[in-house]
Amino acid sequence: MNKEKLFNEIKALSIINSFSKHEQLVQGIINGLNHKLIAKGDILPSVNEMMRETGFAKETIGKAYKELINRGILESKNRMGYFVATDDTEQHLKVCLLIYAFDTFQETFYQNFRDHLGDNIQVDVYFHHNNFSVFESIINSNKGQYGLYVIAPIESKEAKEVLEQLPKEKLLIVDRYVKLKGDYSYIVQEFEKASYNAFLQLAPRIKEFSEFVFFFKPSSAEPNEVLISFKRFIKEFNIKGVIKNSYETGSIAPDKVYFTIHNLELWEMLKDTKVKGLTVGKDIGILSHNDDNVKEIIFDGITTFSIDFAHMGRLAAEFVLRLKPIKHVMENQLIRRNSL
């Protein structure tokens, strides 16, 4: 890196009257990259050195470096300084997206999020699989490396403490609501009322069967609010309800309604109905959470209740593009099809 030429590049922009000192420094560093005076991996002058050479205030330099970090051009390494992260000066923003896993509905969220952002924003995707150690490690290793963090959280005290270490103005919580200190943005689902309303609308149909079976695994990523609603519903409507940890292959039986949150369980149940010659929607009923295109097609359609994950993805992208605070709870809809 040629420091002297970089300083001259920054100072030369002082002739542009419309530039603030902050803008002068940002553009000067970008010009330095474009002119090959600095390159990916180079360490920039320290704040103190930049103050001596340019005469700019410490706050001005800190603000400029932070903007370049937000654009994904620089990265900050604890006690080591500011490094050039990319040679691509068209890269305006670098986003960390941390979600549970790449299920079909989360793929729908991601694809709409990615498409709506456009080409000049880098999105790095990470998965925590509801594992706190993984969740904590990903966030701790990426603090200060991104301009924005879009995170589907884990519901635990420890996870909240990790999230509270991130700057609130750079954080968007998606999918699950968690209560954090300070003012932050979120686009989330509501589970308790939504699931109860779905059961309520389906009550006459559910009562046509002898048993309502819900597969729910405690201490998992499954929302506990859905379990609360299920228990309330079967009690209020005097319906025989059964809660099982998971679906056991081959156990499908007629005259029952089966409700699962997991797609893998759903596929296994549907496979067993074919093996046993049962007709979905007649011999058995099936209800699934989180809609996708496949559920619209298979077995003449699977009844679901779900938010619009494509819309959630576009809303999240709008937050990234506009940086306008948002507090939004997505509306669930019951989508009635052949299975129930």
Protein backbone atom coordinates (compact mmCIF):
# COMPACT_ATOMS: atom_id res chain seq x y z
CA MET A 1 0.00 0.00 0.00
CA ASN A 2 1.24 3.46 -0.91
CA LYS A 3 0.17 5.54 2.09
CA GLU A 4 1.55 8.83 0.77
CA LYS A 5 -0.40 8.57 -2.49
CA LEU A 6 -3.52 7.53 -0.57
CA PHE A 7 -3.29 10.63 1.65
CA ASN A 8 -2.79 12.79 -1.47
CA GLU A 9 -5.84 11.16 -3.08
CA ILE A 10 -7.95 12.13 -0.05
CA LYS A 11 -6.56 15.69 0.15
CA ALA A 12 -7.13 16.26 -3.57
CA LEU A 13 -10.89 15.97 -3.05
CA SER A 14 -10.91 19.10 -0.86
CA ILE A 15 -11.49 21.15 -4.03
CA ILE A 16 -15.00 19.69 -4.28
CA ASN A 17 -16.99 22.19 -2.22
CA SER A 18 -20.07 19.98 -1.99
CA PHE A 19 -18.11 17.23 -0.17
CA SER A 20 -18.13 17.12 3.61
CA LYS A 21 -14.88 15.93 5.23
CA HIS A 22 -16.59 12.60 5.93
CA GLU A 23 -17.55 12.22 2.24
CA GLN A 24 -14.07 13.34 1.19
CA LEU A 25 -12.46 10.59 3.24
CA VAL A 26 -14.89 7.87 2.07
CA GLN A 27 -14.49 8.79 -1.59
CA GLY A 28 -10.73 9.21 -1.24
CA ILE A 29 -10.37 5.63 0.05
CA ILE A 30 -12.65 4.34 -2.72
CA ASN A 31 -10.54 6.22 -5.29
CA GLY A 32 -7.44 4.71 -3.72
CA LEU A 33 -8.91 1.25 -4.32
CA ASN A 34 -9.88 2.07 -7.88
CA HIS A 35 -6.40 3.43 -8.61
CA LYS A 36 -4.73 0.36 -7.04
CA LEU A 37 -3.08 2.40 -4.26
CA ILE A 38 -4.56 -0.03 -1.75
CA ALA A 39 -5.78 -3.58 -2.25
CA LYS A 40 -7.74 -6.35 -0.55
CA GLY A 41 -5.98 -7.40 2.68
CA ASP A 42 -4.16 -4.10 3.23
CA ILE A 43 -4.42 -2.47 6.63
CA LEU A 44 -5.53 1.17 6.48
CA PRO A 45 -3.81 3.95 8.43
CA SER A 46 -4.95 4.07 12.05
CA VAL A 47 -7.40 6.75 13.14
CA ASN A 48 -4.58 8.66 14.84
CA GLU A 49 -2.36 8.49 11.75
CA MET A 50 -5.22 9.62 9.54
CA MET A 51 -5.88 12.53 11.92
CA ARG A 52 -2.23 13.66 11.67
CA GLU A 53 -2.08 13.43 7.88
CA THR A 54 -5.50 14.91 6.99
CA GLY A 55 -6.29 17.16 9.94
CA PHE A 56 -9.76 15.60 10.21
CA ALA A 57 -11.40 15.05 13.59
CA LYS A 58 -11.36 11.61 15.18
CA GLU A 59 -15.18 11.41 14.97
CA THR A 60 -15.10 12.18 11.22
CA ILE A 61 -12.59 9.43 10.52
CA GLY A 62 -14.45 6.93 12.71
CA LYS A 63 -17.71 7.72 10.90
CA ALA A 64 -16.09 7.27 7.49
CA TYR A 65 -14.50 3.96 8.43
CA LYS A 66 -17.85 2.72 9.80
CA GLU A 67 -19.61 3.63 6.56
CA LEU A 68 -17.03 1.70 4.56
CA ILE A 69 -17.51 -1.28 6.88
CA ASN A 70 -21.27 -1.07 6.32
CA ARG A 71 -20.69 -1.11 2.58
CA GLY A 72 -18.56 -4.21 2.95
CA ILE A 73 -15.42 -2.44 1.68
CA LEU A 74 -13.58 -2.49 5.03
CA GLU A 75 -13.63 -4.86 7.97
CA SER A 76 -12.63 -4.22 11.56
CA LYS A 77 -10.46 -6.69 13.44
CA ASN A 78 -10.25 -6.25 17.20
CA ARG A 79 -7.05 -4.45 18.23
CA MET A 80 -5.57 -4.98 14.78
CA GLY A 81 -7.15 -2.10 12.88
CA TYR A 82 -9.16 -1.63 9.69
CA PHE A 83 -8.51 -3.90 6.73
CA VAL A 84 -9.59 -3.72 3.08
CA ALA A 85 -12.20 -6.49 2.69
CA THR A 86 -12.80 -6.29 -1.07
CA ASP A 87 -11.53 -4.71 -4.26
CA ASP A 88 -15.14 -4.26 -5.42
CA THR A 89 -15.95 -0.62 -4.70
CA GLU A 90 -19.46 -1.08 -6.12
CA GLN A 91 -20.30 -3.25 -3.12
CA HIS A 92 -22.61 -0.94 -1.13
CA LEU A 93 -23.57 -3.17 1.75
CA LYS A 94 -22.66 -6.50 3.31
CA VAL A 95 -25.48 -8.37 5.11
CA CYS A 96 -25.26 -11.31 7.53
CA LEU A 97 -28.36 -13.53 7.26
CA LEU A 98 -28.62 -16.10 10.08
CA ILE A 99 -31.60 -18.48 9.91
CA TYR A 100 -32.61 -21.92 11.25
CA ALA A 101 -32.05 -24.14 8.20
CA PHE A 102 -32.80 -24.20 4.48
CA ASP A 103 -36.29 -25.68 4.56
CA THR A 104 -38.58 -25.01 1.60
CA PHE A 105 -40.42 -22.08 3.21
CA GLN A 106 -37.14 -20.53 4.37
CA GLU A 107 -35.81 -20.92 0.84
CA THR A 108 -38.86 -18.94 -0.32
CA PHE A 109 -38.00 -16.24 2.23
CA TYR A 110 -34.35 -16.15 1.14
CA GLN A 111 -35.04 -16.08 -2.60
CA ASN A 112 -37.43 -13.14 -2.31
CA PHE A 113 -35.07 -11.37 0.11
CA ARG A 114 -32.12 -11.86 -2.24
CA ASP A 115 -33.99 -10.92 -5.45
CA HIS A 116 -35.49 -7.76 -3.95
CA LEU A 117 -32.10 -6.46 -2.78
CA GLY A 118 -30.51 -6.23 -6.23
CA ASP A 119 -26.94 -6.99 -7.27
CA ASN A 120 -24.90 -4.50 -5.25
CA ILE A 121 -25.60 -5.99 -1.84
CA GLN A 122 -23.69 -9.00 -0.59
CA VAL A 123 -25.63 -11.51 1.51
CA ASP A 124 -23.77 -14.20 3.46
CA VAL A 125 -26.09 -16.96 4.74
CA TYR A 126 -25.48 -18.92 7.95
CA PHE A 127 -27.56 -21.65 9.66
CA HIS A 128 -27.76 -22.25 13.42
CA HIS A 129 -30.20 -25.26 13.44
CA ASN A 130 -31.55 -24.05 16.81
CA ASN A 131 -28.18 -24.93 18.35
CA PHE A 132 -27.07 -22.25 20.81
CA SER A 133 -23.35 -23.01 20.53
CA VAL A 134 -23.50 -22.63 16.76
CA PHE A 135 -25.67 -19.50 17.08
CA GLU A 136 -23.27 -17.87 19.54
CA SER A 137 -20.18 -18.80 17.54
CA ILE A 138 -21.53 -17.38 14.27
CA ILE A 139 -22.55 -14.07 15.83
CA ASN A 140 -19.38 -13.64 17.89
CA SER A 141 -17.11 -14.39 14.92
CA ASN A 142 -18.98 -11.96 12.68
CA LYS A 143 -19.49 -8.97 14.99
CA GLY A 144 -18.23 -5.81 13.30
CA GLN A 145 -17.85 -7.54 9.93
CA TYR A 146 -21.26 -6.61 8.48
CA GLY A 147 -23.31 -3.51 7.86
CA LEU A 148 -26.56 -5.26 8.82
CA TYR A 149 -27.62 -8.43 10.60
CA VAL A 150 -30.89 -10.22 9.69
CA ILE A 151 -31.41 -12.98 12.26
CA ALA A 152 -33.99 -15.65 13.05
CA PRO A 153 -33.33 -16.00 16.79
CA ILE A 154 -33.26 -18.83 19.28
CA GLU A 155 -35.69 -18.36 22.16
CA SER A 156 -33.45 -18.47 25.21
CA LYS A 157 -32.00 -16.04 27.73
CA GLU A 158 -28.47 -16.79 26.57
CA ALA A 159 -29.35 -16.17 22.92
CA LYS A 160 -30.95 -12.84 23.79
CA GLU A 161 -27.78 -11.76 25.58
CA VAL A 162 -25.75 -12.58 22.47
CA LEU A 163 -28.14 -10.60 20.24
CA GLU A 164 -28.01 -7.60 22.57
CA GLN A 165 -24.32 -7.24 21.81
CA LEU A 166 -25.15 -6.21 18.23
CA PRO A 167 -25.96 -2.56 17.37
CA LYS A 168 -29.75 -2.26 17.44
CA GLU A 169 -29.86 0.03 14.39
CA LYS A 170 -28.11 -2.71 12.37
CA LEU A 171 -30.31 -5.59 13.56
CA LEU A 172 -33.50 -7.03 12.06
CA ILE A 173 -35.17 -9.96 13.86
CA VAL A 174 -37.20 -12.22 11.54
CA ASP A 175 -39.56 -15.18 12.02
CA ARG A 176 -39.62 -15.48 15.84
CA TYR A 177 -40.21 -12.51 18.15
CA VAL A 178 -37.85 -12.12 21.08
CA LYS A 179 -37.91 -9.28 23.58
CA LEU A 180 -34.57 -7.48 23.62
CA LYS A 181 -33.33 -4.41 25.44
CA GLY A 182 -33.51 -1.16 23.51
CA ASP A 183 -35.26 -0.26 20.28
CA TYR A 184 -34.83 -2.70 17.38
CA SER A 185 -36.66 -3.79 14.24
CA TYR A 186 -38.52 -7.04 13.64
CA ILE A 187 -40.71 -8.85 11.08
CA VAL A 188 -42.12 -11.89 12.85
CA GLN A 189 -44.85 -14.49 13.13
CA GLU A 190 -47.45 -14.85 15.87
CA PHE A 191 -48.19 -18.46 16.77
CA GLU A 192 -50.72 -18.82 19.60
CA LYS A 193 -53.70 -16.92 18.20
CA ALA A 194 -52.89 -17.96 14.64
CA SER A 195 -52.85 -21.69 15.38
CA TYR A 196 -55.99 -21.51 17.56
CA ASN A 197 -57.88 -19.63 14.82
CA ALA A 198 -56.85 -22.29 12.30
CA PHE A 199 -58.09 -25.07 14.61
CA LEU A 200 -61.30 -23.11 15.21
CA GLN A 201 -62.07 -22.80 11.48
CA LEU A 202 -61.33 -26.50 10.99
CA ALA A 203 -63.30 -27.67 14.07
CA PRO A 204 -66.35 -29.10 12.22
CA ARG A 205 -64.07 -31.09 9.93
CA ILE A 206 -61.77 -32.27 12.74
CA LYS A 207 -64.80 -33.52 14.73
CA GLU A 208 -65.64 -35.89 11.88
CA PHE A 209 -62.63 -37.97 12.93
CA SER A 210 -62.13 -39.93 16.16
CA GLU A 211 -58.77 -38.42 17.17
CA PHE A 212 -56.61 -35.32 16.62
CA VAL A 213 -52.88 -36.19 16.76
CA PHE A 214 -50.23 -33.47 17.14
CA PHE A 215 -46.53 -34.25 16.79
CA PHE A 216 -44.59 -31.91 19.06
CA LYS A 217 -41.10 -32.31 20.44
CA PRO A 218 -40.42 -30.34 23.67
CA SER A 219 -37.22 -28.27 23.91
CA SER A 220 -36.98 -27.99 20.13
CA ALA A 221 -37.34 -25.20 17.58
CA GLU A 222 -41.09 -25.80 17.48
CA PRO A 223 -43.12 -22.87 18.89
CA ASN A 224 -44.50 -23.73 22.32
CA GLU A 225 -47.43 -21.36 21.65
CA VAL A 226 -48.83 -23.86 19.12
CA LEU A 227 -48.88 -26.54 21.82
CA ILE A 228 -50.74 -24.19 24.16
CA SER A 229 -53.36 -23.53 21.47
CA PHE A 230 -53.75 -27.23 20.69
CA LYS A 231 -54.40 -28.08 24.35
CA ARG A 232 -56.90 -25.23 24.68
CA PHE A 233 -58.73 -26.26 21.50
CA ILE A 234 -59.19 -29.95 22.31
CA LYS A 235 -60.39 -29.03 25.82
CA GLU A 236 -62.90 -26.39 24.69
CA PHE A 237 -64.30 -28.55 21.87
CA ASN A 238 -64.19 -31.83 23.79
CA ILE A 239 -62.06 -33.46 21.13
CA LYS A 240 -59.87 -36.49 21.81
CA GLY A 241 -56.38 -35.10 21.33
CA VAL A 242 -53.05 -36.90 21.46
CA ILE A 243 -49.59 -35.32 21.66
CA LYS A 244 -46.63 -37.39 20.46
CA ASN A 245 -42.95 -36.46 20.27
CA SER A 246 -42.58 -37.61 16.68
CA TYR A 247 -44.16 -39.68 13.94
CA GLU A 248 -43.28 -43.35 13.99
CA THR A 249 -42.92 -44.83 10.50
CA GLY A 250 -45.81 -47.12 9.62
CA SER A 251 -48.09 -45.94 12.44
CA ILE A 252 -50.58 -44.05 10.25
CA ALA A 253 -54.15 -45.17 10.98
CA PRO A 254 -57.58 -44.29 9.60
CA ASP A 255 -60.18 -42.03 11.23
CA LYS A 256 -57.57 -39.63 12.63
CA VAL A 257 -56.39 -36.10 11.90
CA TYR A 258 -52.62 -35.66 11.96
CA PHE A 259 -50.95 -32.30 12.51
CA THR A 260 -47.22 -31.77 12.07
CA ILE A 261 -44.91 -28.77 11.88
CA HIS A 262 -42.06 -30.72 10.24
CA ASN A 263 -42.02 -31.45 6.52
CA LEU A 264 -39.99 -34.64 6.94
CA GLU A 265 -42.75 -36.07 9.13
CA LEU A 266 -45.33 -34.97 6.59
CA TRP A 267 -43.56 -36.73 3.71
CA GLU A 268 -43.23 -39.90 5.80
CA MET A 269 -46.94 -39.88 6.68
CA LEU A 270 -47.97 -39.34 3.07
CA LYS A 271 -45.72 -42.18 1.97
CA ASP A 272 -47.36 -44.49 4.55
CA THR A 273 -50.87 -43.57 3.38
CA LYS A 274 -49.98 -44.88 -0.08
CA VAL A 275 -48.45 -48.05 1.34
CA LYS A 276 -51.59 -48.72 3.42
CA GLY A 277 -54.02 -47.69 0.68
CA LEU A 278 -55.55 -44.85 2.70
CA THR A 279 -57.14 -41.85 1.03
CA VAL A 280 -56.00 -38.45 2.31
CA GLY A 281 -58.97 -36.20 3.05
CA LYS A 282 -61.31 -39.15 3.42
CA ASP A 283 -59.79 -41.94 5.53
CA ILE A 284 -57.43 -39.56 7.35
CA GLY A 285 -57.04 -35.80 7.71
CA ILE A 286 -53.72 -33.96 7.55
CA LEU A 287 -52.85 -30.43 8.67
CA SER A 288 -49.42 -28.89 8.14
CA HIS A 289 -47.72 -25.67 9.26
CA ASN A 290 -45.85 -23.36 6.85
CA ASP A 291 -47.09 -23.43 3.27
CA ASP A 292 -45.06 -23.96 0.09
CA ASN A 293 -45.67 -24.80 -3.57
CA VAL A 294 -45.25 -28.55 -3.06
CA LYS A 295 -48.09 -28.69 -0.50
CA GLU A 296 -50.38 -27.03 -3.02
CA ILE A 297 -49.81 -29.87 -5.48
CA ILE A 298 -49.24 -33.21 -3.72
CA PHE A 299 -52.22 -35.47 -2.87
CA ASP A 300 -54.53 -32.84 -4.41
CA GLY A 301 -53.33 -30.31 -1.82
CA ILE A 302 -52.35 -30.28 1.86
CA THR A 303 -54.26 -27.96 4.21
CA THR A 304 -51.92 -25.52 5.94
CA PHE A 305 -51.87 -22.39 8.02
CA SER A 306 -49.00 -20.10 7.25
CA ILE A 307 -47.66 -16.61 6.77
CA ASP A 308 -46.55 -15.42 3.32
CA PHE A 309 -42.79 -16.10 3.46
CA ALA A 310 -42.24 -14.43 0.09
CA HIS A 311 -43.76 -11.23 1.48
CA MET A 312 -41.65 -11.51 4.64
CA GLY A 313 -38.54 -11.76 2.45
CA ARG A 314 -39.47 -8.64 0.50
CA LEU A 315 -40.24 -6.69 3.69
CA ALA A 316 -36.85 -7.68 5.12
CA ALA A 317 -35.16 -6.51 1.92
CA GLU A 318 -36.97 -3.17 2.15
CA PHE A 319 -35.55 -2.70 5.65
CA VAL A 320 -32.04 -3.33 4.32
CA LEU A 321 -32.50 -0.98 1.38
CA ARG A 322 -34.14 1.90 3.27
CA LEU A 323 -32.86 1.38 6.82
CA LYS A 324 -36.29 2.49 8.02
CA PRO A 325 -37.18 0.95 11.42
CA ILE A 326 -40.01 -1.60 11.27
CA LYS A 327 -42.09 -3.50 13.84
CA HIS A 328 -44.36 -5.86 11.93
CA VAL A 329 -46.24 -9.04 12.84
CA MET A 330 -47.13 -11.14 9.79
CA GLU A 331 -50.71 -12.32 9.39
CA ASN A 332 -51.32 -16.08 9.26
CA GLN A 333 -53.84 -17.53 6.85
CA LEU A 334 -55.59 -20.89 6.80
CA ILE A 335 -55.29 -22.44 3.33
CA ARG A 336 -57.91 -25.16 3.02
CA ARG A 337 -57.19 -27.96 0.57
CA ASN A 338 -58.07 -31.60 0.00
CA SER A 339 -56.30 -33.09 3.06
CA LEU A 340 -58.70 -31.60 5.65
